């Protein structure tokens, strides 16, 4: 099954290479990088992602941080089998996502402690 992976704010997807590699061989991960030569807004990035997605096969959609809103827009037009949004390990109230052999085994969000 294909797993479409959308990058965080860096836009390259290079930080997700280890995650994508950990999905093999059960899943075929495809990281969709964003252009480096121009700035695009959410609407344009959404269209870029839609154009790069598989047309006639089921897929899972995983978005890291910045790409969460893009993934939601994509899912509204081309629903995936599952949608996951990860938080970066340096976010307040989050811990690192463990890369395991199966996406269902990944852990990620931990609620922040209330302010006193």
N, C-alpha and C. Protein backbone atom coordinates (compact mmCIF):
# COMPACT_ATOMS: atom_id res chain seq x y z
N UNK A 1 0.83 -1.17 0.00
CA UNK A 1 0.00 0.00 0.00
C UNK A 1 0.88 1.24 0.00
N UNK A 2 0.45 2.26 -0.69
CA UNK A 2 1.20 3.51 -0.79
C UNK A 2 0.90 4.39 0.42
N UNK A 3 1.95 5.00 0.97
CA UNK A 3 1.83 5.98 2.05
C UNK A 3 2.39 7.29 1.51
N UNK A 4 1.54 8.29 1.41
CA UNK A 4 1.96 9.61 0.97
C UNK A 4 2.38 10.37 2.22
N UNK A 5 3.61 10.90 2.23
CA UNK A 5 4.15 11.59 3.39
C UNK A 5 4.41 13.05 3.01
N UNK A 6 3.80 13.97 3.75
CA UNK A 6 3.98 15.39 3.51
C UNK A 6 4.92 15.97 4.56
N UNK A 7 5.89 16.79 4.13
CA UNK A 7 6.93 17.29 5.04
C UNK A 7 6.45 18.40 5.96
N UNK A 8 7.30 18.69 6.93
CA UNK A 8 7.06 19.81 7.83
C UNK A 8 7.48 21.12 7.17
N UNK A 9 7.75 22.11 7.98
CA UNK A 9 8.03 23.46 7.50
C UNK A 9 9.26 23.54 6.59
N UNK A 10 10.24 22.64 6.76
CA UNK A 10 11.42 22.69 5.89
C UNK A 10 11.04 22.40 4.43
N UNK A 11 9.96 21.66 4.23
CA UNK A 11 9.44 21.41 2.90
C UNK A 11 10.18 20.38 2.07
N UNK A 12 11.34 19.93 2.55
CA UNK A 12 12.14 19.01 1.74
C UNK A 12 11.73 17.55 1.92
N UNK A 13 11.30 17.20 3.10
CA UNK A 13 10.99 15.81 3.40
C UNK A 13 12.22 15.01 3.80
N UNK A 14 13.40 15.63 3.75
CA UNK A 14 14.63 14.92 4.09
C UNK A 14 14.64 14.44 5.53
N UNK A 15 13.96 15.16 6.41
CA UNK A 15 13.91 14.76 7.81
C UNK A 15 13.03 13.53 8.03
N UNK A 16 12.29 13.14 7.01
CA UNK A 16 11.37 12.01 7.11
C UNK A 16 11.90 10.76 6.41
N UNK A 17 13.13 10.80 5.91
CA UNK A 17 13.70 9.66 5.20
C UNK A 17 13.73 8.39 6.06
N UNK A 18 14.14 8.53 7.32
CA UNK A 18 14.21 7.35 8.21
C UNK A 18 12.83 6.78 8.46
N UNK A 19 11.84 7.66 8.63
CA UNK A 19 10.47 7.22 8.83
C UNK A 19 9.99 6.44 7.61
N UNK A 20 10.22 6.99 6.42
CA UNK A 20 9.80 6.33 5.18
C UNK A 20 10.49 4.98 5.02
N UNK A 21 11.77 4.91 5.35
CA UNK A 21 12.51 3.65 5.23
C UNK A 21 11.98 2.60 6.21
N UNK A 22 11.54 3.05 7.38
CA UNK A 22 11.02 2.11 8.39
C UNK A 22 9.70 1.48 7.98
N UNK A 23 9.01 2.09 7.05
CA UNK A 23 7.73 1.54 6.59
C UNK A 23 7.89 0.37 5.63
N UNK A 24 9.05 0.28 4.99
CA UNK A 24 9.31 -0.80 4.03
C UNK A 24 9.53 -2.11 4.78
N UNK A 25 9.19 -3.23 4.22
CA UNK A 25 8.63 -3.46 2.89
C UNK A 25 7.10 -3.49 2.87
N UNK A 26 6.46 -3.36 4.04
CA UNK A 26 4.99 -3.45 4.06
C UNK A 26 4.31 -2.30 3.33
N UNK A 27 4.94 -1.14 3.35
CA UNK A 27 4.36 0.05 2.75
C UNK A 27 5.35 0.70 1.80
N UNK A 28 4.81 1.30 0.75
CA UNK A 28 5.61 2.03 -0.23
C UNK A 28 5.44 3.52 0.07
N UNK A 29 6.43 4.10 0.75
CA UNK A 29 6.34 5.51 1.15
C UNK A 29 6.79 6.42 0.02
N UNK A 30 6.00 7.47 -0.20
CA UNK A 30 6.34 8.49 -1.18
C UNK A 30 6.30 9.83 -0.48
N UNK A 31 7.46 10.45 -0.32
CA UNK A 31 7.55 11.78 0.29
C UNK A 31 7.36 12.80 -0.82
N UNK A 32 6.44 13.73 -0.63
CA UNK A 32 6.22 14.77 -1.62
C UNK A 32 6.86 16.06 -1.11
N UNK A 33 8.01 16.43 -1.68
CA UNK A 33 8.67 17.67 -1.24
C UNK A 33 7.99 18.90 -1.85
N UNK A 34 8.17 20.03 -1.22
CA UNK A 34 7.63 21.29 -1.72
C UNK A 34 8.73 22.04 -2.46
N UNK A 35 8.37 22.86 -3.44
CA UNK A 35 9.38 23.59 -4.22
C UNK A 35 10.24 24.49 -3.34
N UNK A 36 11.51 24.55 -3.66
CA UNK A 36 12.44 25.41 -2.92
C UNK A 36 12.64 26.76 -3.62
N UNK A 37 12.26 26.83 -4.88
CA UNK A 37 12.54 28.02 -5.67
C UNK A 37 11.48 29.11 -5.59
N UNK A 38 10.37 28.82 -4.90
CA UNK A 38 9.30 29.81 -4.77
C UNK A 38 8.47 29.50 -3.53
N UNK A 39 7.84 30.54 -3.01
CA UNK A 39 6.97 30.35 -1.86
C UNK A 39 5.55 30.12 -2.36
N UNK A 40 4.88 29.13 -1.79
CA UNK A 40 3.51 28.82 -2.15
C UNK A 40 2.65 28.83 -0.91
N UNK A 41 1.40 29.23 -1.07
CA UNK A 41 0.45 29.20 0.02
C UNK A 41 -0.21 27.83 0.12
N UNK A 42 -1.08 27.68 1.11
CA UNK A 42 -1.74 26.39 1.32
C UNK A 42 -2.53 25.93 0.10
N UNK A 43 -3.22 26.84 -0.57
CA UNK A 43 -4.03 26.44 -1.74
C UNK A 43 -3.15 25.86 -2.84
N UNK A 44 -2.03 26.52 -3.13
CA UNK A 44 -1.13 26.03 -4.18
C UNK A 44 -0.44 24.73 -3.77
N UNK A 45 -0.04 24.63 -2.50
CA UNK A 45 0.60 23.39 -2.03
C UNK A 45 -0.39 22.23 -2.07
N UNK A 46 -1.65 22.51 -1.77
CA UNK A 46 -2.67 21.47 -1.84
C UNK A 46 -2.79 20.95 -3.26
N UNK A 47 -2.81 21.82 -4.23
CA UNK A 47 -2.90 21.41 -5.63
C UNK A 47 -1.66 20.62 -6.06
N UNK A 48 -0.49 21.03 -5.58
CA UNK A 48 0.75 20.31 -5.89
C UNK A 48 0.68 18.89 -5.36
N UNK A 49 0.19 18.72 -4.13
CA UNK A 49 0.08 17.39 -3.52
C UNK A 49 -0.94 16.54 -4.28
N UNK A 50 -2.10 17.11 -4.59
CA UNK A 50 -3.13 16.36 -5.31
C UNK A 50 -2.60 15.87 -6.65
N UNK A 51 -1.84 16.71 -7.33
CA UNK A 51 -1.28 16.32 -8.64
C UNK A 51 -0.27 15.18 -8.52
N UNK A 52 0.40 15.06 -7.36
CA UNK A 52 1.45 14.03 -7.18
C UNK A 52 0.91 12.74 -6.58
N UNK A 53 -0.35 12.71 -6.18
CA UNK A 53 -0.89 11.53 -5.50
C UNK A 53 -1.29 10.45 -6.50
N UNK A 54 -1.33 9.20 -6.01
CA UNK A 54 -1.77 8.11 -6.88
C UNK A 54 -3.23 8.30 -7.29
N UNK A 55 -3.54 7.93 -8.51
CA UNK A 55 -4.89 8.15 -9.06
C UNK A 55 -5.84 6.97 -8.82
N UNK A 56 -5.35 5.77 -9.03
CA UNK A 56 -6.24 4.61 -9.03
C UNK A 56 -5.84 3.55 -8.02
N UNK A 57 -5.34 3.96 -6.87
CA UNK A 57 -4.99 3.00 -5.84
C UNK A 57 -5.25 3.61 -4.48
N UNK A 58 -5.56 2.79 -3.50
CA UNK A 58 -5.79 3.32 -2.15
C UNK A 58 -4.46 3.82 -1.56
N UNK A 59 -4.53 4.77 -0.64
CA UNK A 59 -3.32 5.31 -0.03
C UNK A 59 -3.62 5.79 1.38
N UNK A 60 -2.56 5.90 2.16
CA UNK A 60 -2.61 6.50 3.49
C UNK A 60 -1.93 7.86 3.37
N UNK A 61 -2.37 8.83 4.12
CA UNK A 61 -1.80 10.17 4.06
C UNK A 61 -1.26 10.54 5.44
N UNK A 62 0.04 10.85 5.50
CA UNK A 62 0.70 11.23 6.75
C UNK A 62 1.28 12.63 6.55
N UNK A 63 0.96 13.54 7.46
CA UNK A 63 1.46 14.91 7.36
C UNK A 63 2.18 15.29 8.63
N UNK A 64 3.33 15.92 8.46
CA UNK A 64 4.07 16.38 9.62
C UNK A 64 3.81 17.86 9.84
N UNK A 65 3.37 18.22 11.01
CA UNK A 65 3.23 19.58 11.50
C UNK A 65 2.64 20.55 10.49
N UNK A 66 3.48 21.35 9.83
CA UNK A 66 3.07 22.38 8.87
C UNK A 66 2.09 21.85 7.83
N UNK A 67 2.26 20.61 7.42
CA UNK A 67 1.44 20.04 6.35
C UNK A 67 0.08 19.53 6.82
N UNK A 68 -0.20 19.62 8.12
CA UNK A 68 -1.49 19.17 8.63
C UNK A 68 -2.68 19.80 7.90
N UNK A 69 -2.71 21.14 7.77
CA UNK A 69 -3.83 21.76 7.05
C UNK A 69 -3.89 21.35 5.57
N UNK A 70 -2.74 21.13 4.97
CA UNK A 70 -2.71 20.69 3.57
C UNK A 70 -3.32 19.30 3.47
N UNK A 71 -2.96 18.42 4.38
CA UNK A 71 -3.51 17.06 4.37
C UNK A 71 -5.03 17.08 4.55
N UNK A 72 -5.53 17.95 5.39
CA UNK A 72 -6.97 18.05 5.59
C UNK A 72 -7.66 18.52 4.31
N UNK A 73 -7.06 19.48 3.62
CA UNK A 73 -7.63 19.95 2.35
C UNK A 73 -7.61 18.84 1.30
N UNK A 74 -6.50 18.11 1.25
CA UNK A 74 -6.39 17.00 0.29
C UNK A 74 -7.44 15.94 0.61
N UNK A 75 -7.58 15.60 1.88
CA UNK A 75 -8.53 14.57 2.29
C UNK A 75 -9.97 14.98 1.97
N UNK A 76 -10.24 16.26 1.96
CA UNK A 76 -11.58 16.74 1.64
C UNK A 76 -11.92 16.53 0.17
N UNK A 77 -10.89 16.49 -0.69
CA UNK A 77 -11.13 16.32 -2.12
C UNK A 77 -10.87 14.90 -2.61
N UNK A 78 -9.89 14.24 -2.01
CA UNK A 78 -9.52 12.87 -2.39
C UNK A 78 -9.30 12.07 -1.12
N UNK A 79 -10.35 11.54 -0.53
CA UNK A 79 -10.22 10.87 0.77
C UNK A 79 -9.26 9.68 0.76
N UNK A 80 -8.28 9.68 1.67
CA UNK A 80 -7.39 8.53 1.83
C UNK A 80 -8.07 7.47 2.68
N UNK A 81 -7.44 6.31 2.79
CA UNK A 81 -7.94 5.27 3.69
C UNK A 81 -7.75 5.69 5.14
N UNK A 82 -6.70 6.44 5.41
CA UNK A 82 -6.44 6.94 6.76
C UNK A 82 -5.64 8.23 6.65
N UNK A 83 -5.80 9.10 7.62
CA UNK A 83 -5.10 10.37 7.66
C UNK A 83 -4.43 10.49 9.02
N UNK A 84 -3.14 10.81 9.03
CA UNK A 84 -2.40 10.97 10.29
C UNK A 84 -1.62 12.26 10.24
N UNK A 85 -1.61 12.97 11.35
CA UNK A 85 -0.81 14.19 11.46
C UNK A 85 0.13 14.00 12.63
N UNK A 86 1.40 14.24 12.40
CA UNK A 86 2.37 14.09 13.48
C UNK A 86 2.84 15.45 13.95
N UNK A 87 3.21 15.51 15.21
CA UNK A 87 3.78 16.73 15.78
C UNK A 87 5.28 16.57 15.83
N UNK A 88 6.03 17.64 15.55
CA UNK A 88 7.48 17.53 15.64
C UNK A 88 7.91 17.32 17.08
N UNK A 89 9.03 16.63 17.30
CA UNK A 89 9.46 16.31 18.65
C UNK A 89 9.80 17.53 19.49
N UNK A 90 10.01 18.69 18.88
CA UNK A 90 10.37 19.87 19.65
C UNK A 90 9.16 20.72 19.99
N UNK A 91 7.95 20.30 19.61
CA UNK A 91 6.74 21.05 19.96
C UNK A 91 6.45 20.91 21.44
N UNK A 92 5.92 21.95 22.02
CA UNK A 92 5.53 21.90 23.43
C UNK A 92 4.45 20.84 23.59
N UNK A 93 4.64 19.94 24.54
CA UNK A 93 3.65 18.92 24.81
C UNK A 93 3.73 17.72 23.89
N UNK A 94 4.78 17.61 23.10
CA UNK A 94 4.90 16.46 22.20
C UNK A 94 6.18 15.72 22.52
N UNK A 95 6.21 14.47 22.16
CA UNK A 95 7.44 13.70 22.29
C UNK A 95 7.75 13.12 20.91
N UNK A 96 8.93 12.63 20.75
CA UNK A 96 9.35 12.12 19.44
C UNK A 96 8.46 10.97 19.00
N UNK A 97 8.19 10.92 17.71
CA UNK A 97 7.42 9.82 17.15
C UNK A 97 8.37 8.66 16.92
N UNK A 98 8.02 7.49 17.42
CA UNK A 98 8.88 6.34 17.22
C UNK A 98 8.62 5.76 15.84
N UNK A 99 9.67 5.50 15.11
CA UNK A 99 9.50 4.90 13.79
C UNK A 99 9.58 3.39 13.96
N UNK A 100 8.47 2.74 13.72
CA UNK A 100 8.40 1.30 13.85
C UNK A 100 8.06 0.71 12.49
N UNK A 101 7.90 -0.59 12.44
CA UNK A 101 7.62 -1.26 11.18
C UNK A 101 6.21 -1.04 10.68
N UNK A 102 5.31 -0.58 11.52
CA UNK A 102 3.93 -0.43 11.10
C UNK A 102 3.38 0.89 11.62
N UNK A 103 2.72 1.70 10.77
CA UNK A 103 2.24 3.01 11.22
C UNK A 103 1.30 2.94 12.42
N UNK A 104 0.54 1.86 12.56
CA UNK A 104 -0.39 1.76 13.69
C UNK A 104 0.36 1.65 15.01
N UNK A 105 1.65 1.30 14.95
CA UNK A 105 2.44 1.14 16.18
C UNK A 105 3.14 2.43 16.58
N UNK A 106 3.02 3.49 15.77
CA UNK A 106 3.69 4.76 16.08
C UNK A 106 2.97 5.47 17.21
N UNK A 107 3.74 6.07 18.08
CA UNK A 107 3.17 6.88 19.15
C UNK A 107 3.61 8.30 18.93
N UNK A 108 2.87 9.24 19.46
CA UNK A 108 3.28 10.60 19.18
C UNK A 108 2.84 11.60 20.22
N UNK A 109 1.60 12.00 20.24
CA UNK A 109 1.18 13.14 21.04
C UNK A 109 0.95 12.78 22.49
N UNK A 110 1.42 13.65 23.34
CA UNK A 110 1.20 13.56 24.78
C UNK A 110 0.68 14.93 25.21
N UNK A 111 -0.47 15.01 25.86
CA UNK A 111 -1.02 16.31 26.23
C UNK A 111 -0.07 17.11 27.09
N UNK A 112 -0.04 18.41 26.87
CA UNK A 112 0.80 19.31 27.66
C UNK A 112 0.25 19.42 29.07
N UNK A 113 1.15 19.64 30.02
CA UNK A 113 0.72 19.86 31.39
C UNK A 113 0.04 21.22 31.50
N UNK A 114 -1.06 21.33 32.25
CA UNK A 114 -1.73 22.62 32.38
C UNK A 114 -0.83 23.64 33.05
N UNK A 115 -0.96 24.89 32.61
CA UNK A 115 -0.18 25.96 33.23
C UNK A 115 -0.73 26.27 34.61
N UNK A 116 0.15 26.59 35.53
CA UNK A 116 -0.24 26.90 36.91
C UNK A 116 -0.31 28.39 37.10
